[in-house]
Amino acid sequence: YTTFADLFDPIIEDYHGGFKKTDKHPPANWGDVSTFGNLDPTGEYVVSTRVRCGRSMEGYPFNPCLTEDQYKEMEQKVATTLSGLEGELKGTFFPLTGMGKEVQQKLIDDHFLFKEGDRFLQTANACRYWPSGRGIYHNDNKTFLVWCNEEDHLRIISMQMGGDLGEVYRRLVTAVNEIEKRVPFSHNDRLGFL
């Protein structure tokens, strides 16, 4: 974003409706998580709720530029980091390499696991060395997941049946904060998380 600022800055300004070179992304602030509640307490309308965010790990290039060794190194770092989570976030990391087809398809069918990249990711060179360096972590209740090296380095997901946005959002915020204590995220003072 610095080297190619002359190219990116006008695109960023146009896409974000006037975000100028001198503007800065606001500081990270999740807000008051207690203000979010259950959007459908009677369970009449909302089938499930999902909130997710993507993060890139500091010190690594974006997905299309990763080497196979970097994919593997990141997968190991993510697996080790997530194995230290406790409470409702405690779970298991499953590498895609060596995962049985039946297990993989079940996780995909249950909307827990990503598939190999679509044509856009393939064109962007983001599927190299597949499935090496990719994996999924989920907690015991399957309400908290982390995808490793799908499109982003990390895709952090909180979800559950029903409409309790408050519980889903609180879990996501807790998880992101816990992960960031262990693995620094790529951040730019002007642009925010990269």
N, C-alpha and C. Protein backbone atom coordinates (compact mmCIF):
# COMPACT_ATOMS: atom_id res chain seq x y z
N TYR A 1 0.82 -1.20 0.00
CA TYR A 1 0.00 0.00 0.00
C TYR A 1 0.86 1.26 0.00
N THR A 2 2.09 1.13 0.40
CA THR A 2 3.01 2.26 0.37
C THR A 2 3.71 2.33 -0.97
N THR A 3 4.29 1.23 -1.38
CA THR A 3 5.02 1.19 -2.65
C THR A 3 4.13 1.57 -3.83
N PHE A 4 2.91 1.09 -3.81
CA PHE A 4 1.98 1.33 -4.92
C PHE A 4 0.89 2.33 -4.54
N ALA A 5 1.21 3.27 -3.66
CA ALA A 5 0.23 4.26 -3.19
C ALA A 5 -0.38 5.06 -4.33
N ASP A 6 0.41 5.40 -5.33
CA ASP A 6 -0.13 6.17 -6.46
C ASP A 6 -1.24 5.41 -7.18
N LEU A 7 -1.17 4.11 -7.17
CA LEU A 7 -2.21 3.29 -7.78
C LEU A 7 -3.38 3.06 -6.82
N PHE A 8 -3.06 2.67 -5.57
CA PHE A 8 -4.09 2.28 -4.62
C PHE A 8 -4.88 3.45 -4.03
N ASP A 9 -4.22 4.55 -3.71
CA ASP A 9 -4.91 5.65 -3.03
C ASP A 9 -6.15 6.15 -3.76
N PRO A 10 -6.11 6.40 -5.07
CA PRO A 10 -7.34 6.83 -5.75
C PRO A 10 -8.44 5.76 -5.73
N ILE A 11 -8.06 4.50 -5.82
CA ILE A 11 -9.05 3.42 -5.77
C ILE A 11 -9.69 3.36 -4.39
N ILE A 12 -8.87 3.45 -3.34
CA ILE A 12 -9.38 3.44 -1.97
C ILE A 12 -10.30 4.63 -1.74
N GLU A 13 -9.89 5.80 -2.20
CA GLU A 13 -10.70 7.01 -2.03
C GLU A 13 -12.05 6.86 -2.73
N ASP A 14 -12.04 6.33 -3.93
CA ASP A 14 -13.28 6.15 -4.68
C ASP A 14 -14.17 5.10 -4.03
N TYR A 15 -13.60 3.97 -3.67
CA TYR A 15 -14.37 2.87 -3.10
C TYR A 15 -15.00 3.24 -1.76
N HIS A 16 -14.27 4.01 -0.97
CA HIS A 16 -14.75 4.37 0.37
C HIS A 16 -15.34 5.77 0.42
N GLY A 17 -15.71 6.30 -0.71
CA GLY A 17 -16.44 7.57 -0.75
C GLY A 17 -15.69 8.74 -0.16
N GLY A 18 -14.47 8.98 -0.59
CA GLY A 18 -13.75 10.17 -0.16
C GLY A 18 -12.70 9.96 0.90
N PHE A 19 -12.25 8.72 1.11
CA PHE A 19 -11.20 8.44 2.09
C PHE A 19 -9.87 8.90 1.49
N LYS A 20 -9.43 10.09 1.89
CA LYS A 20 -8.27 10.74 1.28
C LYS A 20 -6.95 10.20 1.84
N LYS A 21 -5.85 10.56 1.18
CA LYS A 21 -4.51 10.13 1.61
C LYS A 21 -4.21 10.55 3.04
N THR A 22 -4.82 11.64 3.47
CA THR A 22 -4.55 12.17 4.81
C THR A 22 -5.47 11.58 5.87
N ASP A 23 -6.50 10.86 5.45
CA ASP A 23 -7.44 10.25 6.40
C ASP A 23 -6.82 9.03 7.07
N LYS A 24 -7.35 8.71 8.25
CA LYS A 24 -6.87 7.53 8.98
C LYS A 24 -8.06 6.68 9.40
N HIS A 25 -7.83 5.40 9.36
CA HIS A 25 -8.84 4.45 9.83
C HIS A 25 -9.07 4.70 11.32
N PRO A 26 -10.32 4.67 11.78
CA PRO A 26 -10.54 4.89 13.22
C PRO A 26 -9.90 3.76 14.04
N PRO A 27 -9.56 4.04 15.28
CA PRO A 27 -8.95 2.99 16.11
C PRO A 27 -9.93 1.83 16.32
N ALA A 28 -9.37 0.65 16.54
CA ALA A 28 -10.19 -0.54 16.77
C ALA A 28 -11.07 -0.33 18.00
N ASN A 29 -12.35 -0.54 17.83
CA ASN A 29 -13.30 -0.38 18.93
C ASN A 29 -14.50 -1.27 18.63
N TRP A 30 -14.68 -2.28 19.45
CA TRP A 30 -15.78 -3.22 19.24
C TRP A 30 -17.11 -2.68 19.75
N GLY A 31 -17.06 -1.54 20.45
CA GLY A 31 -18.28 -1.01 21.04
C GLY A 31 -18.66 -1.77 22.30
N ASP A 32 -19.81 -1.44 22.83
CA ASP A 32 -20.31 -2.09 24.03
C ASP A 32 -21.06 -3.35 23.62
N VAL A 33 -20.41 -4.50 23.79
CA VAL A 33 -21.02 -5.75 23.33
C VAL A 33 -22.32 -6.07 24.04
N SER A 34 -22.53 -5.49 25.21
CA SER A 34 -23.77 -5.77 25.95
C SER A 34 -24.99 -5.11 25.33
N THR A 35 -24.78 -4.19 24.37
CA THR A 35 -25.93 -3.53 23.73
C THR A 35 -26.58 -4.41 22.66
N PHE A 36 -25.91 -5.49 22.29
CA PHE A 36 -26.48 -6.41 21.30
C PHE A 36 -27.23 -7.51 22.03
N GLY A 37 -28.40 -7.83 21.54
CA GLY A 37 -29.20 -8.85 22.20
C GLY A 37 -29.68 -9.91 21.22
N ASN A 38 -30.72 -10.58 21.63
CA ASN A 38 -31.34 -11.61 20.80
C ASN A 38 -32.34 -10.94 19.87
N LEU A 39 -32.11 -11.04 18.57
CA LEU A 39 -32.96 -10.39 17.58
C LEU A 39 -34.28 -11.12 17.36
N ASP A 40 -34.35 -12.36 17.82
CA ASP A 40 -35.56 -13.16 17.62
C ASP A 40 -35.76 -14.09 18.81
N PRO A 41 -36.12 -13.52 19.97
CA PRO A 41 -36.20 -14.34 21.19
C PRO A 41 -37.21 -15.48 21.10
N THR A 42 -38.23 -15.34 20.26
CA THR A 42 -39.23 -16.41 20.15
C THR A 42 -38.81 -17.50 19.17
N GLY A 43 -37.75 -17.25 18.41
CA GLY A 43 -37.26 -18.24 17.46
C GLY A 43 -38.14 -18.41 16.24
N GLU A 44 -38.90 -17.36 15.92
CA GLU A 44 -39.85 -17.43 14.80
C GLU A 44 -39.23 -17.16 13.44
N TYR A 45 -38.21 -16.30 13.40
CA TYR A 45 -37.74 -15.79 12.11
C TYR A 45 -36.28 -16.11 11.78
N VAL A 46 -35.43 -16.12 12.78
CA VAL A 46 -33.99 -16.27 12.52
C VAL A 46 -33.58 -17.73 12.72
N VAL A 47 -33.02 -18.32 11.68
CA VAL A 47 -32.57 -19.70 11.75
C VAL A 47 -31.21 -19.78 12.45
N SER A 48 -30.28 -18.93 12.02
CA SER A 48 -28.95 -18.94 12.64
C SER A 48 -28.32 -17.56 12.48
N THR A 49 -27.29 -17.32 13.29
CA THR A 49 -26.58 -16.04 13.28
C THR A 49 -25.09 -16.33 13.17
N ARG A 50 -24.44 -15.55 12.30
CA ARG A 50 -23.00 -15.72 12.09
C ARG A 50 -22.36 -14.34 11.97
N VAL A 51 -21.25 -14.14 12.67
CA VAL A 51 -20.46 -12.92 12.56
C VAL A 51 -19.02 -13.37 12.35
N ARG A 52 -18.35 -12.74 11.39
CA ARG A 52 -16.98 -13.17 11.12
C ARG A 52 -16.11 -11.99 10.72
N CYS A 53 -14.82 -12.19 10.84
CA CYS A 53 -13.87 -11.18 10.36
C CYS A 53 -12.63 -11.90 9.86
N GLY A 54 -11.90 -11.23 9.00
CA GLY A 54 -10.66 -11.76 8.48
C GLY A 54 -9.49 -10.99 9.06
N ARG A 55 -8.39 -11.68 9.26
CA ARG A 55 -7.17 -11.03 9.73
C ARG A 55 -5.98 -11.64 9.01
N SER A 56 -4.98 -10.80 8.80
CA SER A 56 -3.70 -11.24 8.26
C SER A 56 -2.69 -11.22 9.39
N MET A 57 -1.80 -12.19 9.38
CA MET A 57 -0.79 -12.29 10.43
C MET A 57 0.40 -11.41 10.08
N GLU A 58 0.85 -10.66 11.07
CA GLU A 58 2.00 -9.77 10.89
C GLU A 58 3.24 -10.58 10.49
N GLY A 59 3.98 -10.03 9.53
CA GLY A 59 5.23 -10.66 9.14
C GLY A 59 5.13 -11.62 7.96
N TYR A 60 3.93 -11.76 7.41
CA TYR A 60 3.74 -12.66 6.27
C TYR A 60 3.11 -11.89 5.12
N PRO A 61 3.45 -12.26 3.88
CA PRO A 61 2.80 -11.62 2.73
C PRO A 61 1.34 -12.09 2.62
N PHE A 62 0.58 -11.41 1.79
CA PHE A 62 -0.79 -11.85 1.53
C PHE A 62 -0.77 -13.20 0.81
N ASN A 63 -1.89 -13.87 0.86
CA ASN A 63 -2.03 -15.23 0.37
C ASN A 63 -1.37 -15.50 -0.99
N PRO A 64 -1.59 -14.72 -2.03
CA PRO A 64 -1.02 -15.07 -3.34
C PRO A 64 0.51 -15.10 -3.38
N CYS A 65 1.16 -14.48 -2.40
CA CYS A 65 2.63 -14.41 -2.41
C CYS A 65 3.28 -15.38 -1.43
N LEU A 66 2.49 -16.17 -0.71
CA LEU A 66 3.05 -17.10 0.27
C LEU A 66 3.75 -18.27 -0.41
N THR A 67 4.85 -18.69 0.19
CA THR A 67 5.52 -19.91 -0.26
C THR A 67 4.88 -21.09 0.48
N GLU A 68 5.16 -22.29 0.01
CA GLU A 68 4.61 -23.46 0.69
C GLU A 68 5.14 -23.55 2.13
N ASP A 69 6.40 -23.23 2.33
CA ASP A 69 6.96 -23.24 3.68
C ASP A 69 6.26 -22.24 4.58
N GLN A 70 5.92 -21.07 4.05
CA GLN A 70 5.21 -20.07 4.85
C GLN A 70 3.80 -20.55 5.21
N TYR A 71 3.11 -21.17 4.25
CA TYR A 71 1.79 -21.75 4.56
C TYR A 71 1.90 -22.73 5.73
N LYS A 72 2.87 -23.62 5.65
CA LYS A 72 3.04 -24.64 6.69
C LYS A 72 3.43 -24.01 8.03
N GLU A 73 4.31 -23.04 7.99
CA GLU A 73 4.74 -22.35 9.21
C GLU A 73 3.54 -21.65 9.87
N MET A 74 2.74 -20.98 9.06
CA MET A 74 1.57 -20.28 9.59
C MET A 74 0.56 -21.27 10.17
N GLU A 75 0.33 -22.37 9.46
CA GLU A 75 -0.60 -23.38 9.95
C GLU A 75 -0.16 -23.89 11.32
N GLN A 76 1.13 -24.16 11.47
CA GLN A 76 1.66 -24.64 12.75
C GLN A 76 1.49 -23.59 13.84
N LYS A 77 1.78 -22.34 13.50
CA LYS A 77 1.65 -21.25 14.46
C LYS A 77 0.19 -21.08 14.90
N VAL A 78 -0.72 -21.16 13.94
CA VAL A 78 -2.16 -21.02 14.24
C VAL A 78 -2.63 -22.19 15.10
N ALA A 79 -2.25 -23.41 14.74
CA ALA A 79 -2.66 -24.59 15.51
C ALA A 79 -2.16 -24.50 16.95
N THR A 80 -0.91 -24.10 17.13
CA THR A 80 -0.34 -23.96 18.47
C THR A 80 -1.04 -22.86 19.26
N THR A 81 -1.27 -21.73 18.60
CA THR A 81 -1.92 -20.60 19.26
C THR A 81 -3.32 -20.97 19.71
N LEU A 82 -4.10 -21.56 18.83
CA LEU A 82 -5.49 -21.87 19.15
C LEU A 82 -5.61 -22.97 20.18
N SER A 83 -4.62 -23.85 20.26
CA SER A 83 -4.67 -24.92 21.26
C SER A 83 -4.58 -24.37 22.68
N GLY A 84 -4.15 -23.12 22.81
CA GLY A 84 -4.07 -22.49 24.13
C GLY A 84 -5.34 -21.79 24.57
N LEU A 85 -6.36 -21.78 23.72
CA LEU A 85 -7.62 -21.13 24.10
C LEU A 85 -8.36 -21.98 25.11
N GLU A 86 -9.11 -21.30 25.98
CA GLU A 86 -9.81 -22.00 27.06
C GLU A 86 -11.28 -21.63 27.08
N GLY A 87 -12.01 -22.23 28.01
CA GLY A 87 -13.43 -21.93 28.17
C GLY A 87 -14.22 -22.33 26.93
N GLU A 88 -15.17 -21.49 26.56
CA GLU A 88 -16.03 -21.84 25.42
C GLU A 88 -15.29 -21.82 24.09
N LEU A 89 -14.06 -21.28 24.05
CA LEU A 89 -13.28 -21.24 22.81
C LEU A 89 -12.41 -22.48 22.64
N LYS A 90 -12.30 -23.29 23.68
CA LYS A 90 -11.45 -24.49 23.64
C LYS A 90 -11.96 -25.46 22.59
N GLY A 91 -11.00 -25.97 21.78
CA GLY A 91 -11.41 -26.89 20.73
C GLY A 91 -10.23 -27.62 20.13
N THR A 92 -10.36 -27.95 18.85
CA THR A 92 -9.38 -28.78 18.16
C THR A 92 -9.07 -28.20 16.79
N PHE A 93 -7.80 -28.29 16.38
CA PHE A 93 -7.39 -27.87 15.04
C PHE A 93 -7.28 -29.10 14.16
N PHE A 94 -7.83 -28.98 12.94
CA PHE A 94 -7.81 -30.07 11.97
C PHE A 94 -7.11 -29.60 10.70
N PRO A 95 -5.91 -30.11 10.40
CA PRO A 95 -5.27 -29.74 9.14
C PRO A 95 -6.02 -30.37 7.97
N LEU A 96 -6.09 -29.65 6.85
CA LEU A 96 -6.72 -30.22 5.67
C LEU A 96 -5.87 -31.35 5.09
N THR A 97 -4.56 -31.20 5.18
CA THR A 97 -3.68 -32.26 4.69
C THR A 97 -3.92 -33.51 5.52
N GLY A 98 -4.29 -34.59 4.86
CA GLY A 98 -4.54 -35.84 5.56
C GLY A 98 -5.97 -36.02 6.03
N MET A 99 -6.81 -34.99 5.89
CA MET A 99 -8.20 -35.10 6.31
C MET A 99 -8.94 -36.01 5.33
N GLY A 100 -9.68 -36.97 5.85
CA GLY A 100 -10.46 -37.87 5.01
C GLY A 100 -11.53 -37.12 4.23
N LYS A 101 -11.82 -37.60 3.04
CA LYS A 101 -12.82 -36.94 2.17
C LYS A 101 -14.20 -36.89 2.83
N GLU A 102 -14.56 -37.94 3.56
CA GLU A 102 -15.88 -37.98 4.20
C GLU A 102 -15.98 -36.92 5.30
N VAL A 103 -14.92 -36.82 6.10
CA VAL A 103 -14.89 -35.81 7.17
C VAL A 103 -14.93 -34.42 6.56
N GLN A 104 -14.13 -34.21 5.52
CA GLN A 104 -14.08 -32.91 4.85
C GLN A 104 -15.46 -32.54 4.29
N GLN A 105 -16.12 -33.47 3.61
CA GLN A 105 -17.42 -33.18 3.01
C GLN A 105 -18.47 -32.91 4.08
N LYS A 106 -18.41 -33.63 5.19
CA LYS A 106 -19.36 -33.40 6.30
C LYS A 106 -19.19 -31.99 6.85
N LEU A 107 -17.94 -31.56 7.05
CA LEU A 107 -17.69 -30.20 7.55
C LEU A 107 -18.15 -29.15 6.54
N ILE A 108 -17.98 -29.40 5.25
CA ILE A 108 -18.46 -28.47 4.22
C ILE A 108 -19.98 -28.43 4.23
N ASP A 109 -20.62 -29.59 4.26
CA ASP A 109 -22.08 -29.66 4.25
C ASP A 109 -22.69 -28.97 5.46
N ASP A 110 -22.00 -29.03 6.59
CA ASP A 110 -22.48 -28.38 7.82
C ASP A 110 -22.12 -26.90 7.87
N HIS A 111 -21.52 -26.39 6.79
CA HIS A 111 -21.12 -24.97 6.67
C HIS A 111 -20.03 -24.58 7.66
N PHE A 112 -19.19 -25.56 8.02
CA PHE A 112 -18.08 -25.27 8.92
C PHE A 112 -16.76 -25.10 8.17
N LEU A 113 -16.64 -25.75 7.03
CA LEU A 113 -15.36 -25.78 6.33
C LEU A 113 -15.47 -25.16 4.95
N PHE A 114 -14.42 -24.49 4.55
CA PHE A 114 -14.33 -23.90 3.22
C PHE A 114 -13.93 -24.95 2.20
N LYS A 115 -14.29 -24.69 0.95
CA LYS A 115 -13.87 -25.55 -0.16
C LYS A 115 -12.63 -24.94 -0.80
N GLU A 116 -12.00 -25.71 -1.66
CA GLU A 116 -10.88 -25.16 -2.41
C GLU A 116 -11.36 -23.93 -3.16
N GLY A 117 -10.48 -22.95 -3.29
CA GLY A 117 -10.85 -21.64 -3.83
C GLY A 117 -11.63 -21.66 -5.13
N ASP A 118 -12.48 -20.67 -5.27
CA ASP A 118 -13.25 -20.50 -6.50
C ASP A 118 -12.34 -19.96 -7.60
N ARG A 119 -12.91 -19.72 -8.77
CA ARG A 119 -12.09 -19.29 -9.91
C ARG A 119 -11.40 -17.96 -9.66
N PHE A 120 -11.99 -17.09 -8.83
CA PHE A 120 -11.38 -15.80 -8.55
C PHE A 120 -10.12 -15.98 -7.69
N LEU A 121 -10.22 -16.83 -6.67
CA LEU A 121 -9.04 -17.10 -5.84
C LEU A 121 -7.97 -17.84 -6.64
N GLN A 122 -8.41 -18.74 -7.50
CA GLN A 122 -7.44 -19.46 -8.34
C GLN A 122 -6.71 -18.51 -9.27
N THR A 123 -7.46 -17.58 -9.88
CA THR A 123 -6.85 -16.60 -10.78
C THR A 123 -5.88 -15.69 -10.02
N ALA A 124 -6.19 -15.40 -8.76
CA ALA A 124 -5.33 -14.54 -7.94
C ALA A 124 -4.13 -15.30 -7.37
N ASN A 125 -4.02 -16.58 -7.72
CA ASN A 125 -2.90 -17.40 -7.26
C ASN A 125 -2.98 -17.69 -5.77
N ALA A 126 -4.20 -17.73 -5.22
CA ALA A 126 -4.38 -17.91 -3.79
C ALA A 126 -4.66 -19.36 -3.40
N CYS A 127 -4.53 -20.28 -4.33
CA CYS A 127 -4.80 -21.69 -4.03
C CYS A 127 -3.57 -22.57 -4.24
N ARG A 128 -2.43 -21.95 -4.35
CA ARG A 128 -1.21 -22.73 -4.58
C ARG A 128 -0.95 -23.67 -3.41
N TYR A 129 -0.37 -24.79 -3.71
CA TYR A 129 0.04 -25.80 -2.73
C TYR A 129 -1.13 -26.40 -1.96
N TRP A 130 -2.34 -26.27 -2.48
CA TRP A 130 -3.54 -26.79 -1.81
C TRP A 130 -3.39 -28.29 -1.60
N PRO A 131 -3.73 -28.84 -0.43
CA PRO A 131 -4.27 -28.24 0.78
C PRO A 131 -3.21 -27.88 1.82
N SER A 132 -1.96 -27.92 1.42
CA SER A 132 -0.86 -27.68 2.34
C SER A 132 -1.01 -26.34 3.06
N GLY A 133 -0.84 -26.38 4.39
CA GLY A 133 -0.88 -25.15 5.18
C GLY A 133 -2.27 -24.63 5.47
N ARG A 134 -3.29 -25.41 5.17
CA ARG A 134 -4.67 -24.98 5.44
C ARG A 134 -5.26 -25.86 6.53
N GLY A 135 -6.21 -25.29 7.27
CA GLY A 135 -6.86 -26.06 8.31
C GLY A 135 -8.05 -25.33 8.89
N ILE A 136 -8.72 -26.02 9.77
CA ILE A 136 -9.88 -25.46 10.47
C ILE A 136 -9.77 -25.80 11.95
N TYR A 137 -10.14 -24.84 12.76
CA TYR A 137 -10.23 -25.04 14.20
C TYR A 137 -11.68 -24.82 14.57
N HIS A 138 -12.22 -25.66 15.41
CA HIS A 138 -13.55 -25.34 15.96
C HIS A 138 -13.61 -25.75 17.42
N ASN A 139 -14.43 -24.99 18.15
CA ASN A 139 -14.60 -25.31 19.56
C ASN A 139 -15.48 -26.55 19.69
N ASP A 140 -15.61 -27.03 20.90
CA ASP A 140 -16.35 -28.27 21.13
C ASP A 140 -17.81 -28.15 20.72
N ASN A 141 -18.39 -26.95 20.86
CA ASN A 141 -19.80 -26.74 20.50
C ASN A 141 -20.00 -26.37 19.04
N LYS A 142 -18.92 -26.21 18.30
CA LYS A 142 -18.95 -25.77 16.90
C LYS A 142 -19.68 -24.44 16.74
N THR A 143 -19.44 -23.55 17.70
CA THR A 143 -19.99 -22.19 17.62
C THR A 143 -18.88 -21.16 17.39
N PHE A 144 -17.65 -21.62 17.41
CA PHE A 144 -16.49 -20.76 17.16
C PHE A 144 -15.54 -21.52 16.24
N LEU A 145 -15.18 -20.88 15.11
CA LEU A 145 -14.31 -21.52 14.13
C LEU A 145 -13.23 -20.55 13.68
N VAL A 146 -12.11 -21.10 13.27
CA VAL A 146 -11.07 -20.31 12.61
C VAL A 146 -10.63 -21.09 11.38
N TRP A 147 -10.71 -20.44 10.24
CA TRP A 147 -10.17 -21.02 9.01
C TRP A 147 -8.76 -20.49 8.84
N CYS A 148 -7.85 -21.36 8.55
CA CYS A 148 -6.45 -20.99 8.36
C CYS A 148 -6.09 -21.05 6.88
N ASN A 149 -5.72 -19.91 6.33
CA ASN A 149 -5.21 -19.79 4.96
C ASN A 149 -6.21 -20.17 3.88
N GLU A 150 -7.47 -19.85 4.09
CA GLU A 150 -8.45 -20.03 3.02
C GLU A 150 -8.26 -18.88 2.03
N GLU A 151 -8.79 -17.72 2.33
CA GLU A 151 -8.56 -16.51 1.53
C GLU A 151 -7.69 -15.56 2.33
N ASP A 152 -8.12 -15.27 3.55
CA ASP A 152 -7.30 -14.50 4.49
C ASP A 152 -6.40 -15.49 5.24
N HIS A 153 -5.41 -14.96 5.93
CA HIS A 153 -4.61 -15.84 6.79
C HIS A 153 -5.52 -16.50 7.81
N LEU A 154 -6.36 -15.67 8.44
CA LEU A 154 -7.30 -16.17 9.44
C LEU A 154 -8.70 -15.65 9.12
N ARG A 155 -9.66 -16.53 9.13
CA ARG A 155 -11.07 -16.13 9.07
C ARG A 155 -11.64 -16.58 10.40
N ILE A 156 -12.03 -15.64 11.24
CA ILE A 156 -12.49 -15.92 12.60
C ILE A 156 -14.00 -15.81 12.59
N ILE A 157 -14.69 -16.86 13.04
CA ILE A 157 -16.13 -16.97 12.88
C ILE A 157 -16.78 -17.36 14.20
N SER A 158 -17.86 -16.66 14.52
CA SER A 158 -18.71 -17.04 15.65
C SER A 158 -20.10 -17.25 15.09
N MET A 159 -20.74 -18.35 15.47
CA MET A 159 -22.07 -18.64 14.92
C MET A 159 -22.82 -19.59 15.84
N GLN A 160 -24.12 -19.57 15.69
CA GLN A 160 -24.95 -20.51 16.42
C GLN A 160 -26.36 -20.45 15.87
N MET A 161 -27.14 -21.44 16.22
CA MET A 161 -28.54 -21.47 15.81
C MET A 161 -29.30 -20.38 16.56
N GLY A 162 -30.34 -19.83 15.94
CA GLY A 162 -31.16 -18.80 16.57
C GLY A 162 -30.65 -17.40 16.30
N GLY A 163 -31.29 -16.44 16.94
CA GLY A 163 -31.03 -15.04 16.65
C GLY A 163 -30.30 -14.26 17.71
N ASP A 164 -29.56 -14.94 18.59
CA ASP A 164 -28.88 -14.23 19.67
C ASP A 164 -27.59 -13.58 19.17
N LEU A 165 -27.75 -12.45 18.49
CA LEU A 165 -26.61 -11.71 17.96
C LEU A 165 -25.66 -11.30 19.08
N GLY A 166 -26.19 -10.95 20.24
CA GLY A 166 -25.36 -10.54 21.37
C GLY A 166 -24.36 -11.61 21.78
N GLU A 167 -24.83 -12.83 21.91
CA GLU A 167 -23.95 -13.92 22.31
C GLU A 167 -22.92 -14.23 21.21
N VAL A 168 -23.36 -14.22 19.97
CA VAL A 168 -22.47 -14.50 18.84
C VAL A 168 -21.40 -13.42 18.73
N TYR A 169 -21.80 -12.16 18.84
CA TYR A 169 -20.86 -11.04 18.73
C TYR A 169 -19.88 -11.04 19.90
N ARG A 170 -20.37 -11.25 21.12
CA ARG A 170 -19.50 -11.28 22.30
C ARG A 170 -18.44 -12.37 22.15
N ARG A 171 -18.84 -13.54 21.65
CA ARG A 171 -17.89 -14.64 21.46
C ARG A 171 -16.83 -14.25 20.43
N LEU A 172 -17.24 -13.60 19.35
CA LEU A 172 -16.28 -13.19 18.32
C LEU A 172 -15.27 -12.19 18.89
N VAL A 173 -15.76 -11.19 19.59
CA VAL A 173 -14.88 -10.16 20.15
C VAL A 173 -13.89 -10.79 21.13
N THR A 174 -14.38 -11.66 22.00
CA THR A 174 -13.51 -12.35 22.95
C THR A 174 -12.44 -13.15 22.21
N ALA A 175 -12.85 -13.87 21.18
CA ALA A 175 -11.92 -14.71 20.42
C ALA A 175 -10.85 -13.88 19.71
N VAL A 176 -11.27 -12.84 19.02
CA VAL A 176 -10.31 -12.00 18.29
C VAL A 176 -9.30 -11.40 19.27
N ASN A 177 -9.77 -10.90 20.39
CA ASN A 177 -8.86 -10.31 21.38
C ASN A 177 -7.89 -11.35 21.95
N GLU A 178 -8.38 -12.56 22.20
CA GLU A 178 -7.51 -13.63 22.73
C GLU A 178 -6.47 -14.05 21.70
N ILE A 179 -6.88 -14.17 20.45
CA ILE A 179 -5.93 -14.57 19.40
C ILE A 179 -4.88 -13.49 19.19
N GLU A 180 -5.33 -12.23 19.19
CA GLU A 180 -4.39 -11.12 18.94
C GLU A 180 -3.34 -11.00 20.05
N LYS A 181 -3.65 -11.44 21.26
CA LYS A 181 -2.66 -11.43 22.34
C LYS A 181 -1.51 -12.38 22.02
N ARG A 182 -1.80 -13.42 21.24
CA ARG A 182 -0.82 -14.47 20.96
C ARG A 182 -0.16 -14.34 19.59
N VAL A 183 -0.91 -13.82 18.62
CA VAL A 183 -0.42 -13.68 17.24
C VAL A 183 -0.73 -12.27 16.77
N PRO A 184 0.28 -11.43 16.60
CA PRO A 184 0.00 -10.06 16.15
C PRO A 184 -0.58 -10.05 14.74
N PHE A 185 -1.57 -9.18 14.54
CA PHE A 185 -2.21 -9.03 13.23
C PHE A 185 -1.53 -7.92 12.44
N SER A 186 -1.57 -8.03 11.13
CA SER A 186 -1.06 -6.98 10.25
C SER A 186 -1.97 -5.76 10.35
N HIS A 187 -1.38 -4.62 10.65
CA HIS A 187 -2.16 -3.40 10.85
C HIS A 187 -1.40 -2.21 10.30
N ASN A 188 -2.13 -1.30 9.71
CA ASN A 188 -1.57 -0.07 9.18
C ASN A 188 -2.32 1.08 9.84
N ASP A 189 -1.61 2.05 10.40
CA ASP A 189 -2.27 3.15 11.11
C ASP A 189 -3.26 3.89 10.24
N ARG A 190 -2.98 3.99 8.97
CA ARG A 190 -3.87 4.71 8.07
C ARG A 190 -5.04 3.85 7.59
N LEU A 191 -4.75 2.58 7.26
CA LEU A 191 -5.75 1.74 6.61
C LEU A 191 -6.43 0.74 7.53
N GLY A 192 -5.94 0.58 8.74
CA GLY A 192 -6.54 -0.39 9.66
C GLY A 192 -5.93 -1.77 9.48
N PHE A 193 -6.72 -2.80 9.77
CA PHE A 193 -6.23 -4.18 9.62
C PHE A 193 -6.13 -4.51 8.14
N LEU A 194 -5.02 -5.12 7.77
CA LEU A 194 -4.78 -5.43 6.36
C LEU A 194 -5.14 -6.88 6.05
